[in-house]
C-alpha atoms as a PDB file:
ATOM      1  CA  MET A   1       0.000   0.000   0.000  1.00  0.00           C
ATOM      2  CA  PRO A   2       1.356   3.400  -0.906  1.00  0.00           C
ATOM      3  CA  ARG A   3       2.185   5.979   1.688  1.00  0.00           C
ATOM      4  CA  PRO A   4       0.426   9.297   1.018  1.00  0.00           C
ATOM      5  CA  LEU A   5       2.420  11.520  -1.305  1.00  0.00           C
ATOM      6  CA  GLY A   6       4.145  14.539   0.203  1.00  0.00           C
ATOM      7  CA  GLU A   7       3.029  18.022  -0.824  1.00  0.00           C
ATOM      8  CA  LEU A   8       5.631  18.480  -3.573  1.00  0.00           C
ATOM      9  CA  GLU A   9       5.326  14.868  -4.749  1.00  0.00           C
ATOM     10  CA  ASP A  10       1.569  15.409  -5.051  1.00  0.00           C
ATOM     11  CA  ALA A  11       2.071  18.660  -6.983  1.00  0.00           C
ATOM     12  CA  VAL A  12       4.380  16.860  -9.428  1.00  0.00           C
ATOM     13  CA  MET A  13       2.161  13.774  -9.753  1.00  0.00           C
ATOM     14  CA  THR A  14      -0.916  15.975 -10.270  1.00  0.00           C
ATOM     15  CA  ARG A  15       0.720  17.387 -13.385  1.00  0.00           C
ATOM     16  CA  VAL A  16       1.866  13.982 -14.628  1.00  0.00           C
ATOM     17  CA  TRP A  17      -1.660  12.585 -14.131  1.00  0.00           C
ATOM     18  CA  GLN A  18      -3.418  15.607 -15.663  1.00  0.00           C
ATOM     19  CA  TRP A  19      -1.183  15.838 -18.704  1.00  0.00           C
ATOM     20  CA  ASN A  20      -1.405  12.062 -19.249  1.00  0.00           C
ATOM     21  CA  ARG A  21       1.700  11.946 -21.427  1.00  0.00           C
ATOM     22  CA  PRO A  22       5.448  11.613 -20.943  1.00  0.00           C
ATOM     23  CA  VAL A  23       6.793  14.778 -19.293  1.00  0.00           C
ATOM     24  CA  THR A  24      10.224  16.261 -18.644  1.00  0.00           C
ATOM     25  CA  VAL A  25      11.550  17.813 -15.467  1.00  0.00           C
ATOM     26  CA  ARG A  26      11.727  21.150 -17.328  1.00  0.00           C
ATOM     27  CA  GLU A  27       7.994  21.036 -18.217  1.00  0.00           C
ATOM     28  CA  VAL A  28       6.995  20.275 -14.637  1.00  0.00           C
ATOM     29  CA  LEU A  29       9.394  22.933 -13.322  1.00  0.00           C
ATOM     30  CA  GLU A  30       7.992  25.641 -15.602  1.00  0.00           C
ATOM     31  CA  ASP A  31       4.435  24.829 -14.563  1.00  0.00           C
ATOM     32  CA  LEU A  32       5.301  24.710 -10.852  1.00  0.00           C
ATOM     33  CA  GLN A  33       7.116  28.050 -11.123  1.00  0.00           C
ATOM     34  CA  GLN A  34       3.786  29.705 -11.954  1.00  0.00           C
ATOM     35  CA  GLU A  35       2.766  28.980  -8.337  1.00  0.00           C
ATOM     36  CA  ARG A  36       6.034  28.997  -6.371  1.00  0.00           C
ATOM     37  CA  SER A  37       9.744  29.616  -6.527  1.00  0.00           C
ATOM     38  CA  ILE A  38      11.438  26.258  -7.030  1.00  0.00           C
ATOM     39  CA  ALA A  39      14.762  25.037  -8.404  1.00  0.00           C
ATOM     40  CA  TYR A  40      15.261  22.652 -11.304  1.00  0.00           C
ATOM     41  CA  THR A  41      17.319  20.340  -9.093  1.00  0.00           C
ATOM     42  CA  THR A  42      14.487  20.136  -6.547  1.00  0.00           C
ATOM     43  CA  VAL A  43      11.984  19.011  -9.180  1.00  0.00           C
ATOM     44  CA  MET A  44      14.567  16.620 -10.641  1.00  0.00           C
ATOM     45  CA  THR A  45      15.129  15.070  -7.192  1.00  0.00           C
ATOM     46  CA  VAL A  46      11.383  14.711  -6.548  1.00  0.00           C
ATOM     47  CA  MET A  47      10.843  13.056  -9.929  1.00  0.00           C
ATOM     48  CA  ASP A  48      13.787  10.726  -9.325  1.00  0.00           C
ATOM     49  CA  ASN A  49      12.328   9.845  -5.909  1.00  0.00           C
ATOM     50  CA  LEU A  50       8.934   9.158  -7.514  1.00  0.00           C
ATOM     51  CA  HIS A  51      10.713   6.893  -9.990  1.00  0.00           C
ATOM     52  CA  GLN A  52      12.542   5.059  -7.197  1.00  0.00           C
ATOM     53  CA  LYS A  53       9.232   4.611  -5.329  1.00  0.00           C
ATOM     54  CA  GLY A  54       7.561   3.177  -8.425  1.00  0.00           C
ATOM     55  CA  TRP A  55       5.117   6.010  -9.134  1.00  0.00           C
ATOM     56  CA  VAL A  56       6.605   6.917 -12.523  1.00  0.00           C
ATOM     57  CA  ARG A  57       8.666   5.149 -15.144  1.00  0.00           C
ATOM     58  CA  ARG A  58      11.185   7.022 -17.218  1.00  0.00           C
ATOM     59  CA  GLU A  59      12.807   6.753 -20.610  1.00  0.00           C
ATOM     60  CA  ALA A  60      15.972   8.509 -21.637  1.00  0.00           C
ATOM     61  CA  GLU A  61      15.622  11.188 -24.290  1.00  0.00           C
ATOM     62  CA  GLY A  62      18.985  12.695 -25.072  1.00  0.00           C
ATOM     63  CA  ARG A  63      20.485  13.912 -21.787  1.00  0.00           C
ATOM     64  CA  ALA A  64      17.102  14.064 -20.044  1.00  0.00           C
ATOM     65  CA  TYR A  65      14.318  11.679 -19.083  1.00  0.00           C
ATOM     66  CA  ARG A  66      10.644  11.623 -19.956  1.00  0.00           C
ATOM     67  CA  TYR A  67       8.491  10.462 -17.043  1.00  0.00           C
ATOM     68  CA  THR A  68       5.139   8.649 -17.298  1.00  0.00           C
ATOM     69  CA  ALA A  69       2.740   7.751 -14.484  1.00  0.00           C
ATOM     70  CA  VAL A  70       2.584   4.075 -13.580  1.00  0.00           C
ATOM     71  CA  SER A  71      -0.858   4.396 -11.965  1.00  0.00           C
ATOM     72  CA  THR A  72      -3.827   6.756 -12.095  1.00  0.00           C
ATOM     73  CA  ARG A  73      -4.870   9.261  -9.465  1.00  0.00           C
ATOM     74  CA  ALA A  74      -8.101   7.275  -9.050  1.00  0.00           C
ATOM     75  CA  ALA A  75      -6.130   4.094  -8.326  1.00  0.00           C
ATOM     76  CA  TYR A  76      -3.909   5.991  -5.868  1.00  0.00           C
ATOM     77  CA  SER A  77      -6.950   7.400  -4.057  1.00  0.00           C
ATOM     78  CA  ALA A  78      -8.621   3.987  -3.981  1.00  0.00           C
ATOM     79  CA  ALA A  79      -5.493   2.397  -2.509  1.00  0.00           C
ATOM     80  CA  LEU A  80      -5.356   5.047   0.236  1.00  0.00           C
ATOM     81  CA  MET A  81      -9.038   4.519   1.067  1.00  0.00           C
ATOM     82  CA  ASN A  82      -8.600   0.744   1.080  1.00  0.00           C
ATOM     83  CA  GLU A  83      -5.632   0.988   3.432  1.00  0.00           C
ATOM     84  CA  ALA A  84      -7.460   3.303   5.824  1.00  0.00           C
ATOM     85  CA  TRP A  85     -10.531   1.077   5.817  1.00  0.00           C
ATOM     86  CA  SER A  86      -8.596  -2.177   6.225  1.00  0.00           C
ATOM     87  CA  THR A  87      -6.758  -0.920   9.325  1.00  0.00           C
ATOM     88  CA  SER A  88      -9.994  -0.283  11.220  1.00  0.00           C
ATOM     89  CA  ASP A  89     -10.875  -2.630  14.065  1.00  0.00           C
ATOM     90  CA  ASN A  90     -14.535  -2.259  12.996  1.00  0.00           C
ATOM     91  CA  PRO A  91     -14.672  -1.868   9.183  1.00  0.00           C
ATOM     92  CA  ALA A  92     -18.475  -1.634   9.060  1.00  0.00           C
ATOM     93  CA  ALA A  93     -18.512   1.222  11.587  1.00  0.00           C
ATOM     94  CA  ALA A  94     -15.689   2.942   9.709  1.00  0.00           C
ATOM     95  CA  LEU A  95     -17.698   2.764   6.472  1.00  0.00           C
ATOM     96  CA  VAL A  96     -20.839   4.098   8.155  1.00  0.00           C
ATOM     97  CA  ALA A  97     -18.836   7.010   9.588  1.00  0.00           C
ATOM     98  CA  PHE A  98     -17.203   7.638   6.206  1.00  0.00           C
ATOM     99  CA  PHE A  99     -20.551   7.586   4.373  1.00  0.00           C
ATOM    100  CA  GLY A 100     -21.906  10.025   6.965  1.00  0.00           C
ATOM    101  CA  MET A 101     -19.147  12.495   6.044  1.00  0.00           C
ATOM    102  CA  MET A 102     -19.974  12.352   2.336  1.00  0.00           C
ATOM    103  CA  SER A 103     -21.795  15.098   0.472  1.00  0.00           C
ATOM    104  CA  PRO A 104     -24.961  14.167  -1.448  1.00  0.00           C
ATOM    105  CA  GLU A 105     -22.913  14.275  -4.665  1.00  0.00           C
ATOM    106  CA  GLN A 106     -20.323  11.899  -3.225  1.00  0.00           C
ATOM    107  CA  ARG A 107     -23.040   9.488  -2.061  1.00  0.00           C
ATOM    108  CA  GLU A 108     -24.538   9.534  -5.565  1.00  0.00           C
ATOM    109  CA  ALA A 109     -21.092   8.807  -7.035  1.00  0.00           C
ATOM    110  CA  LEU A 110     -20.818   5.906  -4.570  1.00  0.00           C
ATOM    111  CA  ARG A 111     -24.208   4.554  -5.676  1.00  0.00           C
ATOM    112  CA  ASP A 112     -23.091   4.797  -9.313  1.00  0.00           C
ATOM    113  CA  ALA A 113     -19.838   2.976  -8.522  1.00  0.00           C
ATOM    114  CA  VAL A 114     -21.686   0.176  -6.709  1.00  0.00           C
ATOM    115  CA  ARG A 115     -24.042  -0.210  -9.691  1.00  0.00           C
ATOM    116  CA  ILE A 116     -21.046  -0.469 -12.032  1.00  0.00           C
ATOM    117  CA  VAL A 117     -19.286  -3.050  -9.869  1.00  0.00           C
ATOM    118  CA  GLN A 118     -22.468  -5.093  -9.440  1.00  0.00           C
ATOM    119  CA  HIS A 119     -23.125  -4.953 -13.186  1.00  0.00           C
ATOM    120  CA  ASP A 120     -19.571  -6.155 -13.949  1.00  0.00           C
ATOM    121  CA  GLU A 121     -19.769  -9.130 -11.557  1.00  0.00           C
ATOM    122  CA  PRO A 122     -20.109 -12.438 -13.379  1.00  0.00           C
ATOM    123  CA  GLU A 123     -23.273 -14.458 -12.927  1.00  0.00           C
ATOM    124  CA  PRO A 124     -22.916 -17.195 -10.306  1.00  0.00           C
ATOM    125  CA  PRO A 125     -22.366 -20.630 -11.874  1.00  0.00           C
ATOM    126  CA  ALA A 126     -25.345 -22.935 -12.187  1.00  0.00           C
ATOM    127  CA  ALA A 127     -25.686 -25.585  -9.486  1.00  0.00           C
ATOM    128  CA  GLY A 128     -23.138 -28.317 -10.080  1.00  0.00           C
ATOM    129  CA  ALA A 129     -21.267 -26.363 -12.764  1.00  0.00           C
ATOM    130  CA  PRO A 130     -17.518 -25.911 -12.268  1.00  0.00           C
ATOM    131  CA  GLU A 131     -16.433 -22.432 -11.233  1.00  0.00           C
ATOM    132  CA  ALA A 132     -14.619 -20.392 -13.840  1.00  0.00           C
ATOM    133  CA  ALA A 133     -11.209 -18.966 -13.058  1.00  0.00           C
ATOM    134  CA  PRO A 134     -11.145 -15.179 -12.631  1.00  0.00           C
ATOM    135  CA  PRO A 135     -10.099 -13.324 -15.782  1.00  0.00           C
ATOM    136  CA  ALA A 136      -6.434 -12.406 -16.024  1.00  0.00           C
ATOM    137  CA  ALA A 137      -5.558  -8.736 -16.103  1.00  0.00           C
ATOM    138  CA  GLY A 138      -5.120  -7.708 -19.708  1.00  0.00           C
ATOM    139  CA  PRO A 139      -2.775  -5.191 -21.262  1.00  0.00           C
ATOM    140  CA  GLY A 140      -5.240  -2.351 -20.642  1.00  0.00           C
ATOM    141  CA  ALA A 141      -5.624  -3.079 -16.929  1.00  0.00           C
ATOM    142  CA  THR A 142      -5.076  -0.106 -14.651  1.00  0.00           C
ATOM    143  CA  PRO A 143      -2.539  -0.683 -11.882  1.00  0.00           C
ATOM    144  CA  PHE A 144      -4.129  -0.412  -8.437  1.00  0.00           C
ATOM    145  CA  ALA A 145      -0.906   0.728  -6.869  1.00  0.00           C
ATOM    146  CA  PRO A 146       2.451   1.303  -8.524  1.00  0.00           C
ATOM    147  CA  GLY A 147       3.530  -1.885 -10.238  1.00  0.00           C
ATOM    148  CA  GLU A 148       0.564  -3.931  -8.985  1.00  0.00           C
ATOM    149  CA  GLU A 149      -2.726  -5.016 -10.510  1.00  0.00           C
ATOM    150  CA  GLY A 150      -5.829  -4.157  -8.528  1.00  0.00           C
ATOM    151  CA  GLY A 151      -8.938  -5.991  -7.623  1.00  0.00           C
ATOM    152  CA  SER A 152      -8.016  -8.079  -4.623  1.00  0.00           C
ATOM    153  CA  GLY A 153      -8.620  -6.876  -1.129  1.00  0.00           C
ATOM    154  CA  ALA A 154      -5.157  -8.019  -0.122  1.00  0.00           C
ATOM    155  CA  ARG A 155      -2.893  -5.565   1.605  1.00  0.00           C
ATOM    156  CA  ARG A 156      -0.304  -4.069  -0.677  1.00  0.00           C
ATOM    157  CA  SER A 157       3.298  -3.347   0.062  1.00  0.00           C
ATOM    158  CA  GLU A 158       4.599   0.173  -0.121  1.00  0.00           C
ATOM    159  CA  PRO A 159       6.131   1.186  -3.476  1.00  0.00           C
ATOM    160  CA  GLY A 160       9.868   0.785  -3.560  1.00  0.00           C
ATOM    161  CA  ARG A 161      10.006  -1.578  -0.599  1.00  0.00           C
END
């Protein structure tokens, strides 16, 4: 399970996720400099750290690298929520408390998500029929956490460890 991103890591990853394409340190730096004073070497270090932690992959392009997200922001958020929920000594009570904090719009999004998940669940096998193996993650599968496929409720290790 990933540890929450630090403030600067989140600012960098937000750009990588929003742009949804390979990015350079220079591009991220120039965008960050619209909000704050920051050095090239600081952004380079953060992006290298994100690479070491498994959040981005990089490919050399001349003397620089182009960085691409390994996971989506949605998968990152889901992993954080799953970790918080799974550490509760009373998961049902934690969910009830969480749902109570949600806005009406968030509750509607939750209802929509449950409908989608229920719709995607395979029909139970007929009595006496052998159970089918779960489908393997295909090439378009979205990683649940850096370098891992999602779907199971198993606890995940922290990226880079």
